[in-house]
C-alpha atoms as a PDB file:
ATOM      1  CA  MET A   1      -0.006   0.064  -0.097  1.00  0.00           C
ATOM      2  CA  PRO A   2       1.193   3.393  -0.789  1.00  0.00           C
ATOM      3  CA  THR A   3       2.533   5.925   1.853  1.00  0.00           C
ATOM      4  CA  TYR A   4       1.068   9.290   1.468  1.00  0.00           C
ATOM      5  CA  ASP A   5       2.482  12.774   2.993  1.00  0.00           C
ATOM      6  CA  TYR A   6       0.145  15.189   4.458  1.00  0.00           C
ATOM      7  CA  GLU A   7       0.744  18.696   6.110  1.00  0.00           C
ATOM      8  CA  CYS A   8      -1.491  20.397   8.676  1.00  0.00           C
ATOM      9  CA  GLN A   9      -2.539  23.871   7.431  1.00  0.00           C
ATOM     10  CA  LYS A  10      -2.952  25.022  11.051  1.00  0.00           C
ATOM     11  CA  CYS A  11       0.142  23.833  12.853  1.00  0.00           C
ATOM     12  CA  GLY A  12       2.432  22.969   9.933  1.00  0.00           C
ATOM     13  CA  THR A  13       2.888  19.330  11.232  1.00  0.00           C
ATOM     14  CA  ARG A  14       3.995  16.951   8.476  1.00  0.00           C
ATOM     15  CA  PHE A  15       3.167  13.212   8.818  1.00  0.00           C
ATOM     16  CA  GLU A  16       2.993  10.071   6.643  1.00  0.00           C
ATOM     17  CA  VAL A  17      -0.044   7.513   6.429  1.00  0.00           C
ATOM     18  CA  VAL A  18      -0.106   4.457   4.810  1.00  0.00           C
ATOM     19  CA  GLN A  19      -3.351   4.085   2.885  1.00  0.00           C
ATOM     20  CA  SER A  20      -4.931   2.206   0.049  1.00  0.00           C
ATOM     21  CA  MET A  21      -5.389   3.875  -3.121  1.00  0.00           C
ATOM     22  CA  ASN A  22      -9.204   3.718  -2.516  1.00  0.00           C
ATOM     23  CA  ASP A  23      -9.192   5.227   0.708  1.00  0.00           C
ATOM     24  CA  ALA A  24     -10.446   8.954   1.278  1.00  0.00           C
ATOM     25  CA  LYS A  25      -8.031  11.554   1.899  1.00  0.00           C
ATOM     26  CA  LEU A  26      -7.418  12.585   5.497  1.00  0.00           C
ATOM     27  CA  GLU A  27      -9.196  15.903   6.424  1.00  0.00           C
ATOM     28  CA  HIS A  28      -8.277  16.625  10.011  1.00  0.00           C
ATOM     29  CA  CYS A  29      -4.820  16.827  11.826  1.00  0.00           C
ATOM     30  CA  PRO A  30      -3.957  13.801  14.102  1.00  0.00           C
ATOM     31  CA  GLN A  31      -2.497  16.017  16.780  1.00  0.00           C
ATOM     32  CA  GLN A  32      -5.245  16.242  19.447  1.00  0.00           C
ATOM     33  CA  PRO A  33      -4.989  20.005  20.450  1.00  0.00           C
ATOM     34  CA  CYS A  34      -4.852  20.936  16.666  1.00  0.00           C
ATOM     35  CA  GLY A  35      -7.542  19.134  14.666  1.00  0.00           C
ATOM     36  CA  GLY A  36      -6.802  21.680  11.709  1.00  0.00           C
ATOM     37  CA  GLN A  37      -7.299  20.803   8.028  1.00  0.00           C
ATOM     38  CA  VAL A  38      -4.718  18.846   6.287  1.00  0.00           C
ATOM     39  CA  LYS A  39      -3.551  18.856   2.777  1.00  0.00           C
ATOM     40  CA  ARG A  40      -2.149  15.902   0.812  1.00  0.00           C
ATOM     41  CA  LEU A  41       1.255  16.727  -0.491  1.00  0.00           C
ATOM     42  CA  LEU A  42       2.442  15.724  -3.959  1.00  0.00           C
ATOM     43  CA  GLY A  43       5.344  13.283  -3.855  1.00  0.00           C
ATOM     44  CA  THR A  44       6.174   9.864  -4.891  1.00  0.00           C
ATOM     45  CA  GLY A  45       2.992   8.510  -3.320  1.00  0.00           C
ATOM     46  CA  ALA A  46       4.117   4.817  -3.187  1.00  0.00           C
ATOM     47  CA  GLY A  47       7.339   3.271  -1.859  1.00  0.00           C
ATOM     48  CA  ILE A  48       7.998  -0.069  -3.693  1.00  0.00           C
ATOM     49  CA  ILE A  49       9.681  -2.800  -1.747  1.00  0.00           C
ATOM     50  CA  PHE A  50      11.268  -5.539  -3.589  1.00  0.00           C
ATOM     51  CA  LYS A  51      11.120  -8.803  -1.651  1.00  0.00           C
ATOM     52  CA  GLY A  52      11.785 -12.379  -2.409  1.00  0.00           C
ATOM     53  CA  SER A  53      12.850 -13.845  -5.827  1.00  0.00           C
ATOM     54  CA  GLY A  54      11.990 -12.713  -9.256  1.00  0.00           C
ATOM     55  CA  PHE A  55      13.570  -9.372  -9.390  1.00  0.00           C
ATOM     56  CA  TYR A  56      16.713 -10.231 -11.424  1.00  0.00           C
ATOM     57  CA  GLN A  57      17.316 -10.843 -14.962  1.00  0.00           C
ATOM     58  CA  THR A  58      18.563 -14.457 -14.212  1.00  0.00           C
ATOM     59  CA  ASP A  59      15.365 -15.355 -12.249  1.00  0.00           C
ATOM     60  CA  TYR A  60      13.396 -15.608 -15.663  1.00  0.00           C
ATOM     61  CA  ARG A  61      15.822 -17.412 -17.629  1.00  0.00           C
ATOM     62  CA  SER A  62      14.860 -20.723 -19.330  1.00  0.00           C
ATOM     63  CA  SER A  63      15.479 -23.967 -17.507  1.00  0.00           C
ATOM     64  CA  SER A  64      18.047 -25.021 -20.246  1.00  0.00           C
ATOM     65  CA  TYR A  65      20.015 -21.853 -19.623  1.00  0.00           C
ATOM     66  CA  GLN A  66      19.943 -22.306 -16.003  1.00  0.00           C
ATOM     67  CA  ALA A  67      21.196 -25.976 -16.379  1.00  0.00           C
ATOM     68  CA  SER A  68      24.104 -24.973 -18.594  1.00  0.00           C
ATOM     69  CA  ALA A  69      24.898 -22.140 -16.191  1.00  0.00           C
ATOM     70  CA  LYS A  70      25.222 -24.781 -13.370  1.00  0.00           C
ATOM     71  CA  SER A  71      27.501 -26.908 -15.293  1.00  0.00           C
ATOM     72  CA  ASP A  72      29.774 -24.099 -16.333  1.00  0.00           C
ATOM     73  CA  THR A  73      30.127 -23.196 -12.491  1.00  0.00           C
ATOM     74  CA  GLY A  74      31.153 -26.812 -11.585  1.00  0.00           C
ATOM     75  CA  ALA A  75      33.809 -26.804 -14.328  1.00  0.00           C
ATOM     76  CA  ALA A  76      37.489 -26.280 -13.223  1.00  0.00           C
ATOM     77  CA  PRO A  77      38.613 -22.785 -14.129  1.00  0.00           C
ATOM     78  CA  LYS A  78      40.764 -22.370 -17.109  1.00  0.00           C
ATOM     79  CA  GLU A  79      44.532 -22.122 -16.633  1.00  0.00           C
ATOM     80  CA  CYS A  80      46.298 -19.039 -17.922  1.00  0.00           C
ATOM     81  CA  ALA A  81      49.185 -19.207 -20.197  1.00  0.00           C
ATOM     82  CA  PRO A  82      52.442 -18.096 -18.510  1.00  0.00           C
ATOM     83  CA  LYS A  83      53.343 -14.388 -19.182  1.00  0.00           C
ATOM     84  CA  THR A  84      56.143 -14.292 -21.937  1.00  0.00           C
ATOM     85  CA  ASP A  85      58.375 -11.162 -22.231  1.00  0.00           C
ATOM     86  CA  THR A  86      58.709  -9.796 -25.643  1.00  0.00           C
ATOM     87  CA  ALA A  87      61.806  -7.828 -24.998  1.00  0.00           C
ATOM     88  CA  PRO A  88      65.050  -9.823 -25.074  1.00  0.00           C
ATOM     89  CA  ALA A  89      66.487 -10.549 -21.568  1.00  0.00           C
ATOM     90  CA  ALA A  90      69.809  -8.754 -20.952  1.00  0.00           C
ATOM     91  CA  SER A  91      72.464 -11.216 -20.574  1.00  0.00           C
ATOM     92  CA  PRO A  92      74.135 -11.241 -17.125  1.00  0.00           C
ATOM     93  CA  ALA A  93      77.710  -9.633 -16.955  1.00  0.00           C
ATOM     94  CA  PRO A  94      80.601 -12.280 -16.816  1.00  0.00           C
ATOM     95  CA  ALA A  95      81.709 -13.182 -13.292  1.00  0.00           C
ATOM     96  CA  PRO A  96      85.238 -11.652 -12.565  1.00  0.00           C
ATOM     97  CA  ALA A  97      87.909 -14.268 -13.020  1.00  0.00           C
ATOM     98  CA  LYS A  98      89.806 -15.316 -10.009  1.00  0.00           C
ATOM     99  CA  ALA A  99      93.500 -14.923  -9.990  1.00  0.00           C
ATOM    100  CA  ALA A 100      95.528 -17.913  -9.590  1.00  0.00           C
ATOM    101  CA  GLU A 101      97.550 -18.022  -6.297  1.00  0.00           C
END
């Protein structure tokens, strides 16, 4: 059910009321000493809450697609090829020769 915002014309109190779309608008402020006229404010009117399954693209996929997706997740991940450098490696400097004693 939608949530409507109201404002009292007398005391300025703003409040929200959950009402059916078929319910009559409120006319009087719920504050006991006030009781002034209220005005329904323009706004979004209804807050939509998504609960449960069925709100994602994959929830409506065909059963054959879901079966193949399950088999793909059970497969071992593909191994990556080792990274190869395209630049030639620098040759190490020759080791200094030891003098014979």
